[in-house]
Amino acid sequence: MALIDTLTIRAVAGKGGDGVVRWLHTRGKEKGGPSGGDGGRGGDVLFRTVRDLGVLARYKGRKDFGAEHGEPGGNDSMHGANGASIIIDVPVGSFITNLTTGETFDLMEDDQEVVALKGGNGGFGNEHFKSSTNQNPYDFRPGAQGQSAEFRIELKIIADAGFVGLPNAGKSSLLNALTAARAKIGDYPFTTLEPNLGVLFGYVLADIPGLIEGAAEGKGLGHEFLRHIARTKMLVHCIAADTPDPLLAYNTVRTELEAHGDGLGTKPELVCITKIDTVPDTRVTEIRSIFSALNRDVMAVTVLDDESIKKASDTLVQTLKKTV
């Protein structure tokens, strides 16, 4: 099932139950005094985080969510039952915007719950209005409406390292080799249409789909990709060894990261030269020197050699230990 990482929904908290007019029935009297109970409170709308990146797919095709209404008051001063709240599960790393009020929720922890909409209070029954001057009130109050709003849910993946680079830079292949993830790979642009994740010795790695010039302005898949990099703790900037102009490729992606903001241009970075089996060793050395001159940490790798992958794994883990 494809990853759904943005969703717009409408949610309504429960209406409070109505207060009622009721009377006590005592021996010899039809009406022995007010006994109408208060209505129950309407249920709330909550968001709860779970460690499941695919959880939003549950809601595909569903746009409306509602909590239960409170029950009306009862006889003999009985309080109506409160309505059940509704809990909407979202992935850890979700950023939720109330499109009606502008309020936001940034949900970074596992099993975190927030009340996004409050249910309406129950109304008062006629017993509530009894006084020394009004022994038999007919007054009651209806329950209040619950809050309602539209919400936009955006997943921003939390990872220890995000692999970035132009399309076909070898990111998916490297992730597969390092973590046994199963990202789709192929020699054509935008192979990766959604982020892929893998785990390397407890560190979460994210293969962020390929960026192009103008991505920060929405070209290509634009912001759909860039927002997933915002919460990665460091970047692994992949550049294919057979790229005609490695520095141009590097600067193209760097320009988009800096233009997007969110601190993307200042994250710790490791340059990874990929596909080194496709060029002579002298070319790899030349590319290394280009980025070493920029004071960038550099590693080189080919997924076709186990020893190369082992060295890359060790380098990445050591860098993560110093960064995360």
C-alpha atoms as a PDB file:
ATOM      1  CA  MET A   1       0.000   0.000   0.000  1.00  0.00           C
ATOM      2  CA  ALA A   2       1.352   3.415  -0.960  1.00  0.00           C
ATOM      3  CA  LEU A   3       2.443   5.739   1.803  1.00  0.00           C
ATOM      4  CA  ILE A   4      -0.102   8.467   2.518  1.00  0.00           C
ATOM      5  CA  ASP A   5       1.755  11.331   4.165  1.00  0.00           C
ATOM      6  CA  THR A   6      -0.766  14.172   3.867  1.00  0.00           C
ATOM      7  CA  LEU A   7      -4.439  14.098   4.711  1.00  0.00           C
ATOM      8  CA  THR A   8      -7.193  16.677   5.170  1.00  0.00           C
ATOM      9  CA  ILE A   9     -10.160  15.695   7.310  1.00  0.00           C
ATOM     10  CA  ARG A  10     -13.148  17.273   9.016  1.00  0.00           C
ATOM     11  CA  ALA A  11     -13.845  16.390  12.640  1.00  0.00           C
ATOM     12  CA  VAL A  12     -16.711  17.230  14.972  1.00  0.00           C
ATOM     13  CA  ALA A  13     -16.739  16.783  18.734  1.00  0.00           C
ATOM     14  CA  GLY A  14     -19.921  15.487  20.342  1.00  0.00           C
ATOM     15  CA  LYS A  15     -22.860  17.677  21.285  1.00  0.00           C
ATOM     16  CA  GLY A  16     -23.740  17.822  24.948  1.00  0.00           C
ATOM     17  CA  GLY A  17     -26.908  16.021  25.992  1.00  0.00           C
ATOM     18  CA  ASP A  18     -29.974  18.096  26.713  1.00  0.00           C
ATOM     19  CA  GLY A  19     -31.196  18.753  30.213  1.00  0.00           C
ATOM     20  CA  VAL A  20     -34.760  17.539  30.819  1.00  0.00           C
ATOM     21  CA  VAL A  21     -37.888  18.473  32.747  1.00  0.00           C
ATOM     22  CA  ARG A  22     -38.941  15.653  35.077  1.00  0.00           C
ATOM     23  CA  TRP A  23     -40.873  15.438  38.330  1.00  0.00           C
ATOM     24  CA  LEU A  24     -40.714  13.339  41.431  1.00  0.00           C
ATOM     25  CA  HIS A  25     -43.786  11.190  41.963  1.00  0.00           C
ATOM     26  CA  THR A  26     -44.613  10.843  45.653  1.00  0.00           C
ATOM     27  CA  ARG A  27     -47.528   9.220  47.441  1.00  0.00           C
ATOM     28  CA  GLY A  28     -50.664  11.245  46.946  1.00  0.00           C
ATOM     29  CA  LYS A  29     -48.948  13.813  44.770  1.00  0.00           C
ATOM     30  CA  GLU A  30     -48.624  13.827  41.046  1.00  0.00           C
ATOM     31  CA  LYS A  31     -45.802  16.315  41.141  1.00  0.00           C
ATOM     32  CA  GLY A  32     -43.462  16.143  44.107  1.00  0.00           C
ATOM     33  CA  GLY A  33     -40.745  18.466  42.867  1.00  0.00           C
ATOM     34  CA  PRO A  34     -38.263  18.795  40.001  1.00  0.00           C
ATOM     35  CA  SER A  35     -36.026  15.833  39.246  1.00  0.00           C
ATOM     36  CA  GLY A  36     -34.843  16.392  35.693  1.00  0.00           C
ATOM     37  CA  GLY A  37     -31.179  15.425  35.283  1.00  0.00           C
ATOM     38  CA  ASP A  38     -28.401  17.212  33.429  1.00  0.00           C
ATOM     39  CA  GLY A  39     -27.251  16.018  30.045  1.00  0.00           C
ATOM     40  CA  GLY A  40     -23.940  14.229  29.520  1.00  0.00           C
ATOM     41  CA  ARG A  41     -20.914  15.898  28.005  1.00  0.00           C
ATOM     42  CA  GLY A  42     -20.129  15.341  24.317  1.00  0.00           C
ATOM     43  CA  GLY A  43     -17.057  13.328  23.402  1.00  0.00           C
ATOM     44  CA  ASP A  44     -13.765  14.986  22.444  1.00  0.00           C
ATOM     45  CA  VAL A  45     -11.682  14.542  19.290  1.00  0.00           C
ATOM     46  CA  LEU A  46      -8.127  13.370  20.007  1.00  0.00           C
ATOM     47  CA  PHE A  47      -5.070  12.643  17.898  1.00  0.00           C
ATOM     48  CA  ARG A  48      -2.759   9.847  19.084  1.00  0.00           C
ATOM     49  CA  THR A  49       0.660   8.939  17.689  1.00  0.00           C
ATOM     50  CA  VAL A  50       1.636   5.393  16.747  1.00  0.00           C
ATOM     51  CA  ARG A  51       4.831   3.934  15.310  1.00  0.00           C
ATOM     52  CA  ASP A  52       3.242   3.070  11.981  1.00  0.00           C
ATOM     53  CA  LEU A  53       4.127   5.191   8.963  1.00  0.00           C
ATOM     54  CA  GLY A  54       1.256   3.671   7.011  1.00  0.00           C
ATOM     55  CA  VAL A  55      -1.501   4.393   9.493  1.00  0.00           C
ATOM     56  CA  LEU A  56      -3.010   7.257   7.484  1.00  0.00           C
ATOM     57  CA  ALA A  57      -3.866   4.756   4.754  1.00  0.00           C
ATOM     58  CA  ARG A  58      -6.622   3.485   7.065  1.00  0.00           C
ATOM     59  CA  TYR A  59      -8.484   6.701   6.408  1.00  0.00           C
ATOM     60  CA  LYS A  60      -8.218   6.707   2.633  1.00  0.00           C
ATOM     61  CA  GLY A  61     -11.579   7.771   1.288  1.00  0.00           C
ATOM     62  CA  ARG A  62     -12.840   8.821   4.724  1.00  0.00           C
ATOM     63  CA  LYS A  63     -13.064  12.559   5.337  1.00  0.00           C
ATOM     64  CA  ASP A  64     -15.465  12.962   8.267  1.00  0.00           C
ATOM     65  CA  PHE A  65     -14.857  11.977  11.885  1.00  0.00           C
ATOM     66  CA  GLY A  66     -17.217  12.518  14.800  1.00  0.00           C
ATOM     67  CA  ALA A  67     -17.278  11.822  18.529  1.00  0.00           C
ATOM     68  CA  GLU A  68     -20.415  10.597  20.261  1.00  0.00           C
ATOM     69  CA  HIS A  69     -23.041  12.975  21.598  1.00  0.00           C
ATOM     70  CA  GLY A  70     -23.842  13.106  25.307  1.00  0.00           C
ATOM     71  CA  GLU A  71     -27.051  11.447  26.449  1.00  0.00           C
ATOM     72  CA  PRO A  72     -29.993  13.543  27.703  1.00  0.00           C
ATOM     73  CA  GLY A  73     -30.608  13.748  31.425  1.00  0.00           C
ATOM     74  CA  GLY A  74     -32.932  11.234  33.007  1.00  0.00           C
ATOM     75  CA  ASN A  75     -35.570  10.857  35.717  1.00  0.00           C
ATOM     76  CA  ASP A  76     -34.776  11.066  39.408  1.00  0.00           C
ATOM     77  CA  SER A  77     -31.941  13.525  38.849  1.00  0.00           C
ATOM     78  CA  MET A  78     -30.007  11.002  36.765  1.00  0.00           C
ATOM     79  CA  HIS A  79     -27.129  12.530  34.801  1.00  0.00           C
ATOM     80  CA  GLY A  80     -26.983  11.564  31.150  1.00  0.00           C
ATOM     81  CA  ALA A  81     -24.022   9.456  30.021  1.00  0.00           C
ATOM     82  CA  ASN A  82     -21.048  11.253  28.508  1.00  0.00           C
ATOM     83  CA  GLY A  83     -20.393  10.641  24.822  1.00  0.00           C
ATOM     84  CA  ALA A  84     -17.357   8.567  23.877  1.00  0.00           C
ATOM     85  CA  SER A  85     -14.401  10.466  22.470  1.00  0.00           C
ATOM     86  CA  ILE A  86     -12.947   9.560  19.082  1.00  0.00           C
ATOM     87  CA  ILE A  87      -9.213   8.870  18.775  1.00  0.00           C
ATOM     88  CA  ILE A  88      -7.569   9.376  15.383  1.00  0.00           C
ATOM     89  CA  ASP A  89      -4.240   7.566  15.083  1.00  0.00           C
ATOM     90  CA  VAL A  90      -1.433   9.379  13.222  1.00  0.00           C
ATOM     91  CA  PRO A  91       2.238   8.486  12.687  1.00  0.00           C
ATOM     92  CA  VAL A  92       4.923   9.769  15.034  1.00  0.00           C
ATOM     93  CA  GLY A  93       6.289  12.897  13.371  1.00  0.00           C
ATOM     94  CA  SER A  94       2.895  14.260  12.308  1.00  0.00           C
ATOM     95  CA  PHE A  95       2.381  17.999  12.124  1.00  0.00           C
ATOM     96  CA  ILE A  96      -1.316  18.812  12.406  1.00  0.00           C
ATOM     97  CA  THR A  97      -2.887  22.156  11.550  1.00  0.00           C
ATOM     98  CA  ASN A  98      -6.381  23.207  12.549  1.00  0.00           C
ATOM     99  CA  LEU A  99      -7.362  24.938   9.312  1.00  0.00           C
ATOM    100  CA  THR A 100     -10.259  26.682  11.053  1.00  0.00           C
ATOM    101  CA  THR A 101      -8.318  28.313  13.897  1.00  0.00           C
ATOM    102  CA  GLY A 102      -4.673  28.038  12.815  1.00  0.00           C
ATOM    103  CA  GLU A 103      -3.728  26.061  15.938  1.00  0.00           C
ATOM    104  CA  THR A 104      -0.978  23.479  15.348  1.00  0.00           C
ATOM    105  CA  PHE A 105       0.161  20.268  17.017  1.00  0.00           C
ATOM    106  CA  ASP A 106       3.692  18.935  16.502  1.00  0.00           C
ATOM    107  CA  LEU A 107       3.597  15.303  17.587  1.00  0.00           C
ATOM    108  CA  MET A 108       7.102  13.945  18.072  1.00  0.00           C
ATOM    109  CA  GLU A 109       6.705  11.272  20.760  1.00  0.00           C
ATOM    110  CA  ASP A 110       5.297   7.757  20.622  1.00  0.00           C
ATOM    111  CA  ASP A 111       1.815   7.274  22.158  1.00  0.00           C
ATOM    112  CA  GLN A 112       1.339  11.032  22.502  1.00  0.00           C
ATOM    113  CA  GLU A 113      -2.253  12.262  22.751  1.00  0.00           C
ATOM    114  CA  VAL A 114      -3.684  15.743  22.244  1.00  0.00           C
ATOM    115  CA  VAL A 115      -7.265  16.928  22.566  1.00  0.00           C
ATOM    116  CA  ALA A 116      -7.887  18.787  19.321  1.00  0.00           C
ATOM    117  CA  LEU A 117     -11.594  19.511  19.761  1.00  0.00           C
ATOM    118  CA  LYS A 118     -13.666  19.597  22.930  1.00  0.00           C
ATOM    119  CA  GLY A 119     -17.135  18.168  23.258  1.00  0.00           C
ATOM    120  CA  GLY A 120     -20.043  20.367  24.262  1.00  0.00           C
ATOM    121  CA  ASN A 121     -21.169  20.602  27.889  1.00  0.00           C
ATOM    122  CA  GLY A 122     -24.400  18.917  28.853  1.00  0.00           C
ATOM    123  CA  GLY A 123     -27.463  21.062  29.433  1.00  0.00           C
ATOM    124  CA  PHE A 124     -29.108  21.559  32.834  1.00  0.00           C
ATOM    125  CA  GLY A 125     -32.269  19.736  33.870  1.00  0.00           C
ATOM    126  CA  ASN A 126     -35.078  21.476  35.723  1.00  0.00           C
ATOM    127  CA  GLU A 127     -33.788  20.361  39.122  1.00  0.00           C
ATOM    128  CA  HIS A 128     -30.843  22.693  38.559  1.00  0.00           C
ATOM    129  CA  PHE A 129     -33.185  25.702  38.551  1.00  0.00           C
ATOM    130  CA  LYS A 130     -35.053  24.966  41.782  1.00  0.00           C
ATOM    131  CA  SER A 131     -34.875  27.823  44.289  1.00  0.00           C
ATOM    132  CA  SER A 132     -36.708  29.158  47.297  1.00  0.00           C
ATOM    133  CA  THR A 133     -38.788  31.326  45.023  1.00  0.00           C
ATOM    134  CA  ASN A 134     -39.282  28.747  42.276  1.00  0.00           C
ATOM    135  CA  GLN A 135     -40.075  25.345  43.743  1.00  0.00           C
ATOM    136  CA  ASN A 136     -41.363  23.811  40.517  1.00  0.00           C
ATOM    137  CA  PRO A 137     -39.290  25.198  37.649  1.00  0.00           C
ATOM    138  CA  TYR A 138     -40.006  24.209  34.086  1.00  0.00           C
ATOM    139  CA  ASP A 139     -36.677  25.595  32.960  1.00  0.00           C
ATOM    140  CA  PHE A 140     -34.040  23.438  31.258  1.00  0.00           C
ATOM    141  CA  ARG A 141     -31.078  24.022  28.985  1.00  0.00           C
ATOM    142  CA  PRO A 142     -30.117  22.143  25.811  1.00  0.00           C
ATOM    143  CA  GLY A 143     -26.612  20.733  25.463  1.00  0.00           C
ATOM    144  CA  ALA A 144     -23.922  22.828  23.807  1.00  0.00           C
ATOM    145  CA  GLN A 145     -22.559  22.001  20.382  1.00  0.00           C
ATOM    146  CA  GLY A 146     -19.126  20.404  20.230  1.00  0.00           C
ATOM    147  CA  GLN A 147     -16.248  22.129  18.465  1.00  0.00           C
ATOM    148  CA  SER A 148     -15.648  21.359  14.791  1.00  0.00           C
ATOM    149  CA  ALA A 149     -12.828  22.059  12.373  1.00  0.00           C
ATOM    150  CA  GLU A 150     -10.917  20.905   9.329  1.00  0.00           C
ATOM    151  CA  PHE A 151      -7.435  19.520   9.936  1.00  0.00           C
ATOM    152  CA  ARG A 152      -4.441  18.997   7.692  1.00  0.00           C
ATOM    153  CA  ILE A 153      -2.168  16.159   8.769  1.00  0.00           C
ATOM    154  CA  GLU A 154       1.387  16.172   7.396  1.00  0.00           C
ATOM    155  CA  LEU A 155       3.894  13.448   8.127  1.00  0.00           C
ATOM    156  CA  LYS A 156       7.461  14.643   8.538  1.00  0.00           C
ATOM    157  CA  ILE A 157       9.564  11.541   8.962  1.00  0.00           C
ATOM    158  CA  ILE A 158      11.892  11.477  11.955  1.00  0.00           C
ATOM    159  CA  ALA A 159      15.120   9.741  10.997  1.00  0.00           C
ATOM    160  CA  ASP A 160      18.707   9.807  12.187  1.00  0.00           C
ATOM    161  CA  ALA A 161      20.057  10.263   8.656  1.00  0.00           C
ATOM    162  CA  GLY A 162      18.388  11.251   5.405  1.00  0.00           C
ATOM    163  CA  PHE A 163      19.868  10.255   2.047  1.00  0.00           C
ATOM    164  CA  VAL A 164      19.534  13.151  -0.404  1.00  0.00           C
ATOM    165  CA  GLY A 165      20.733  13.755  -3.945  1.00  0.00           C
ATOM    166  CA  LEU A 166      19.573  14.130  -7.509  1.00  0.00           C
ATOM    167  CA  PRO A 167      17.514  11.357  -9.108  1.00  0.00           C
ATOM    168  CA  ASN A 168      19.574   8.236  -9.855  1.00  0.00           C
ATOM    169  CA  ALA A 169      22.264   9.107  -7.309  1.00  0.00           C
ATOM    170  CA  GLY A 170      22.136   5.572  -5.925  1.00  0.00           C
ATOM    171  CA  LYS A 171      20.301   6.350  -2.684  1.00  0.00           C
ATOM    172  CA  SER A 172      17.821   3.463  -2.789  1.00  0.00           C
ATOM    173  CA  SER A 173      20.477   0.926  -3.721  1.00  0.00           C
ATOM    174  CA  LEU A 174      22.693   2.131  -0.868  1.00  0.00           C
ATOM    175  CA  LEU A 175      19.837   1.966   1.634  1.00  0.00           C
ATOM    176  CA  ASN A 176      19.041  -1.581   0.520  1.00  0.00           C
ATOM    177  CA  ALA A 177      22.666  -2.643   0.832  1.00  0.00           C
ATOM    178  CA  LEU A 178      23.167  -1.067   4.262  1.00  0.00           C
ATOM    179  CA  THR A 179      19.915  -2.077   5.910  1.00  0.00           C
ATOM    180  CA  ALA A 180      18.286  -4.867   3.889  1.00  0.00           C
ATOM    181  CA  ALA A 181      15.418  -2.489   3.123  1.00  0.00           C
ATOM    182  CA  ARG A 182      13.591  -3.210  -0.078  1.00  0.00           C
ATOM    183  CA  ALA A 183      13.328   0.150  -1.816  1.00  0.00           C
ATOM    184  CA  LYS A 184      12.376   0.026  -5.479  1.00  0.00           C
ATOM    185  CA  ILE A 185      15.336   0.874  -7.703  1.00  0.00           C
ATOM    186  CA  GLY A 186      15.805   1.573 -11.388  1.00  0.00           C
ATOM    187  CA  ASP A 187      17.703   3.764 -13.811  1.00  0.00           C
ATOM    188  CA  TYR A 188      15.128   6.471 -14.416  1.00  0.00           C
ATOM    189  CA  PRO A 189      14.164   9.732 -12.672  1.00  0.00           C
ATOM    190  CA  PHE A 190      11.893   9.715  -9.645  1.00  0.00           C
ATOM    191  CA  THR A 191      12.175   5.997  -9.069  1.00  0.00           C
ATOM    192  CA  THR A 192      11.401   6.670  -5.431  1.00  0.00           C
ATOM    193  CA  LEU A 193       8.002   8.312  -5.124  1.00  0.00           C
ATOM    194  CA  GLU A 194       7.900   8.110  -1.355  1.00  0.00           C
ATOM    195  CA  PRO A 195      10.506   7.910   1.431  1.00  0.00           C
ATOM    196  CA  ASN A 196      11.891   4.480   2.276  1.00  0.00           C
ATOM    197  CA  LEU A 197      13.239   3.577   5.693  1.00  0.00           C
ATOM    198  CA  GLY A 198      15.819   1.152   6.993  1.00  0.00           C
ATOM    199  CA  VAL A 199      17.613   0.539  10.279  1.00  0.00           C
ATOM    200  CA  LEU A 200      21.399   0.323  10.648  1.00  0.00           C
ATOM    201  CA  PHE A 201      22.539  -0.783  14.126  1.00  0.00           C
ATOM    202  CA  GLY A 202      19.590   0.982  15.697  1.00  0.00           C
ATOM    203  CA  TYR A 203      19.850   4.144  13.584  1.00  0.00           C
ATOM    204  CA  VAL A 204      16.914   4.960  11.299  1.00  0.00           C
ATOM    205  CA  LEU A 205      17.936   5.851   7.741  1.00  0.00           C
ATOM    206  CA  ALA A 206      15.547   7.490   5.281  1.00  0.00           C
ATOM    207  CA  ASP A 207      15.970   7.466   1.522  1.00  0.00           C
ATOM    208  CA  ILE A 208      14.477  10.826   0.525  1.00  0.00           C
ATOM    209  CA  PRO A 209      13.235  10.882  -3.089  1.00  0.00           C
ATOM    210  CA  GLY A 210      15.440  12.642  -5.636  1.00  0.00           C
ATOM    211  CA  LEU A 211      15.408  16.412  -5.800  1.00  0.00           C
ATOM    212  CA  ILE A 212      15.652  18.551  -8.910  1.00  0.00           C
ATOM    213  CA  GLU A 213      16.427  22.196  -9.533  1.00  0.00           C
ATOM    214  CA  GLY A 214      13.417  24.254  -8.482  1.00  0.00           C
ATOM    215  CA  ALA A 215      12.150  21.695  -5.966  1.00  0.00           C
ATOM    216  CA  ALA A 216      11.830  24.343  -3.255  1.00  0.00           C
ATOM    217  CA  GLU A 217       9.422  26.181  -5.566  1.00  0.00           C
ATOM    218  CA  GLY A 218       7.361  23.044  -6.071  1.00  0.00           C
ATOM    219  CA  LYS A 219       8.936  21.724  -9.272  1.00  0.00           C
ATOM    220  CA  GLY A 220       9.153  17.975  -9.627  1.00  0.00           C
ATOM    221  CA  LEU A 221       7.690  16.628  -6.415  1.00  0.00           C
ATOM    222  CA  GLY A 222       8.959  19.734  -4.587  1.00  0.00           C
ATOM    223  CA  HIS A 223       7.740  20.168  -1.047  1.00  0.00           C
ATOM    224  CA  GLU A 224       6.391  16.620  -0.995  1.00  0.00           C
ATOM    225  CA  PHE A 225      10.024  15.558  -0.639  1.00  0.00           C
ATOM    226  CA  LEU A 226      11.637  18.450   1.173  1.00  0.00           C
ATOM    227  CA  ARG A 227       9.413  18.342   4.234  1.00  0.00           C
ATOM    228  CA  HIS A 228      10.596  14.803   4.985  1.00  0.00           C
ATOM    229  CA  ILE A 229      14.160  16.056   5.390  1.00  0.00           C
ATOM    230  CA  ALA A 230      13.211  18.690   7.977  1.00  0.00           C
ATOM    231  CA  ARG A 231      13.482  16.350  10.967  1.00  0.00           C
ATOM    232  CA  THR A 232      16.415  14.183   9.920  1.00  0.00           C
ATOM    233  CA  LYS A 233      19.351  14.755  12.249  1.00  0.00           C
ATOM    234  CA  MET A 234      22.000  14.593   9.536  1.00  0.00           C
ATOM    235  CA  LEU A 235      22.185  14.331   5.753  1.00  0.00           C
ATOM    236  CA  VAL A 236      24.035  11.832   3.596  1.00  0.00           C
ATOM    237  CA  HIS A 237      24.474  13.652   0.299  1.00  0.00           C
ATOM    238  CA  CYS A 238      24.781  11.015  -2.424  1.00  0.00           C
ATOM    239  CA  ILE A 239      26.571  11.885  -5.671  1.00  0.00           C
ATOM    240  CA  ALA A 240      27.102   9.282  -8.386  1.00  0.00           C
ATOM    241  CA  ALA A 241      30.722   8.878  -9.422  1.00  0.00           C
ATOM    242  CA  ASP A 242      29.732   8.915 -13.098  1.00  0.00           C
ATOM    243  CA  THR A 243      28.079  12.323 -12.794  1.00  0.00           C
ATOM    244  CA  PRO A 244      29.753  14.659 -15.341  1.00  0.00           C
ATOM    245  CA  ASP A 245      29.873  17.591 -12.907  1.00  0.00           C
ATOM    246  CA  PRO A 246      29.727  16.387  -9.269  1.00  0.00           C
ATOM    247  CA  LEU A 247      30.019  19.892  -7.829  1.00  0.00           C
ATOM    248  CA  LEU A 248      27.102  21.134  -9.927  1.00  0.00           C
ATOM    249  CA  ALA A 249      25.005  18.171  -8.804  1.00  0.00           C
ATOM    250  CA  TYR A 250      25.926  18.888  -5.197  1.00  0.00           C
ATOM    251  CA  ASN A 251      25.193  22.616  -5.434  1.00  0.00           C
ATOM    252  CA  THR A 252      21.853  22.005  -7.144  1.00  0.00           C
ATOM    253  CA  VAL A 253      20.586  20.010  -4.189  1.00  0.00           C
ATOM    254  CA  ARG A 254      22.193  22.326  -1.635  1.00  0.00           C
ATOM    255  CA  THR A 255      20.454  25.314  -3.203  1.00  0.00           C
ATOM    256  CA  GLU A 256      17.069  23.620  -2.852  1.00  0.00           C
ATOM    257  CA  LEU A 257      17.724  22.659   0.764  1.00  0.00           C
ATOM    258  CA  GLU A 258      18.700  26.198   1.683  1.00  0.00           C
ATOM    259  CA  ALA A 259      15.787  27.717  -0.231  1.00  0.00           C
ATOM    260  CA  HIS A 260      13.295  25.491   1.556  1.00  0.00           C
ATOM    261  CA  GLY A 261      14.431  26.657   4.991  1.00  0.00           C
ATOM    262  CA  ASP A 262      13.544  24.690   8.147  1.00  0.00           C
ATOM    263  CA  GLY A 263      17.283  24.581   8.906  1.00  0.00           C
ATOM    264  CA  LEU A 264      17.946  22.118   6.065  1.00  0.00           C
ATOM    265  CA  GLY A 265      20.990  24.031   4.885  1.00  0.00           C
ATOM    266  CA  THR A 266      22.730  23.829   8.265  1.00  0.00           C
ATOM    267  CA  LYS A 267      22.309  20.147   9.104  1.00  0.00           C
ATOM    268  CA  PRO A 268      25.448  18.010   9.597  1.00  0.00           C
ATOM    269  CA  GLU A 269      26.371  16.406   6.296  1.00  0.00           C
ATOM    270  CA  LEU A 270      28.364  13.488   4.961  1.00  0.00           C
ATOM    271  CA  VAL A 271      29.113  13.380   1.223  1.00  0.00           C
ATOM    272  CA  CYS A 272      28.844   9.871  -0.212  1.00  0.00           C
ATOM    273  CA  ILE A 273      30.290   9.123  -3.650  1.00  0.00           C
ATOM    274  CA  THR A 274      28.221   6.225  -5.024  1.00  0.00           C
ATOM    275  CA  LYS A 275      28.656   3.868  -7.986  1.00  0.00           C
ATOM    276  CA  ILE A 276      32.453   4.005  -7.770  1.00  0.00           C
ATOM    277  CA  ASP A 277      32.601   0.772  -9.763  1.00  0.00           C
ATOM    278  CA  THR A 278      31.588   2.773 -12.864  1.00  0.00           C
ATOM    279  CA  VAL A 279      34.691   4.999 -13.015  1.00  0.00           C
ATOM    280  CA  PRO A 280      38.469   4.631 -12.626  1.00  0.00           C
ATOM    281  CA  ASP A 281      39.963   5.015  -9.150  1.00  0.00           C
ATOM    282  CA  THR A 282      41.624   8.243 -10.246  1.00  0.00           C
ATOM    283  CA  ARG A 283      38.197   9.768 -10.860  1.00  0.00           C
ATOM    284  CA  VAL A 284      37.034   8.804  -7.372  1.00  0.00           C
ATOM    285  CA  THR A 285      40.157  10.422  -5.920  1.00  0.00           C
ATOM    286  CA  GLU A 286      39.471  13.555  -7.942  1.00  0.00           C
ATOM    287  CA  ILE A 287      35.884  13.801  -6.659  1.00  0.00           C
ATOM    288  CA  ARG A 288      37.066  13.230  -3.094  1.00  0.00           C
ATOM    289  CA  SER A 289      39.481  16.132  -3.388  1.00  0.00           C
ATOM    290  CA  ILE A 290      36.712  18.443  -4.647  1.00  0.00           C
ATOM    291  CA  PHE A 291      34.624  17.950  -1.517  1.00  0.00           C
ATOM    292  CA  SER A 292      37.540  17.696   0.877  1.00  0.00           C
ATOM    293  CA  ALA A 293      38.483  21.184  -0.298  1.00  0.00           C
ATOM    294  CA  LEU A 294      35.016  22.282   0.870  1.00  0.00           C
ATOM    295  CA  ASN A 295      35.738  20.790   4.305  1.00  0.00           C
ATOM    296  CA  ARG A 296      33.158  18.052   3.781  1.00  0.00           C
ATOM    297  CA  ASP A 297      33.503  14.576   5.240  1.00  0.00           C
ATOM    298  CA  VAL A 298      33.550  12.141   2.319  1.00  0.00           C
ATOM    299  CA  MET A 299      33.070   8.411   1.853  1.00  0.00           C
ATOM    300  CA  ALA A 300      32.941   6.343  -1.338  1.00  0.00           C
ATOM    301  CA  VAL A 301      31.009   3.143  -1.976  1.00  0.00           C
ATOM    302  CA  THR A 302      29.805   0.612  -4.485  1.00  0.00           C
ATOM    303  CA  VAL A 303      26.911  -1.674  -3.634  1.00  0.00           C
ATOM    304  CA  LEU A 304      28.546  -4.406  -5.731  1.00  0.00           C
ATOM    305  CA  ASP A 305      31.308  -5.028  -3.183  1.00  0.00           C
ATOM    306  CA  ASP A 306      30.625  -6.285   0.344  1.00  0.00           C
ATOM    307  CA  GLU A 307      33.861  -4.841   1.710  1.00  0.00           C
ATOM    308  CA  SER A 308      32.940  -1.422   0.341  1.00  0.00           C
ATOM    309  CA  ILE A 309      29.524  -1.614   2.014  1.00  0.00           C
ATOM    310  CA  LYS A 310      31.171  -2.684   5.292  1.00  0.00           C
ATOM    311  CA  LYS A 311      33.468   0.352   5.218  1.00  0.00           C
ATOM    312  CA  ALA A 312      30.561   2.662   4.373  1.00  0.00           C
ATOM    313  CA  SER A 313      28.510   1.181   7.204  1.00  0.00           C
ATOM    314  CA  ASP A 314      31.327   1.716   9.710  1.00  0.00           C
ATOM    315  CA  THR A 315      31.899   5.273   8.540  1.00  0.00           C
ATOM    316  CA  LEU A 316      28.215   6.144   8.709  1.00  0.00           C
ATOM    317  CA  VAL A 317      27.769   4.657  12.180  1.00  0.00           C
ATOM    318  CA  GLN A 318      30.816   6.502  13.512  1.00  0.00           C
ATOM    319  CA  THR A 319      29.534   9.763  12.041  1.00  0.00           C
ATOM    320  CA  LEU A 320      26.069   9.185  13.515  1.00  0.00           C
ATOM    321  CA  LYS A 321      27.568   8.524  16.949  1.00  0.00           C
ATOM    322  CA  LYS A 322      29.196  11.953  16.854  1.00  0.00           C
ATOM    323  CA  THR A 323      26.115  13.684  15.444  1.00  0.00           C
ATOM    324  CA  VAL A 324      22.984  12.146  16.955  1.00  0.00           C
END
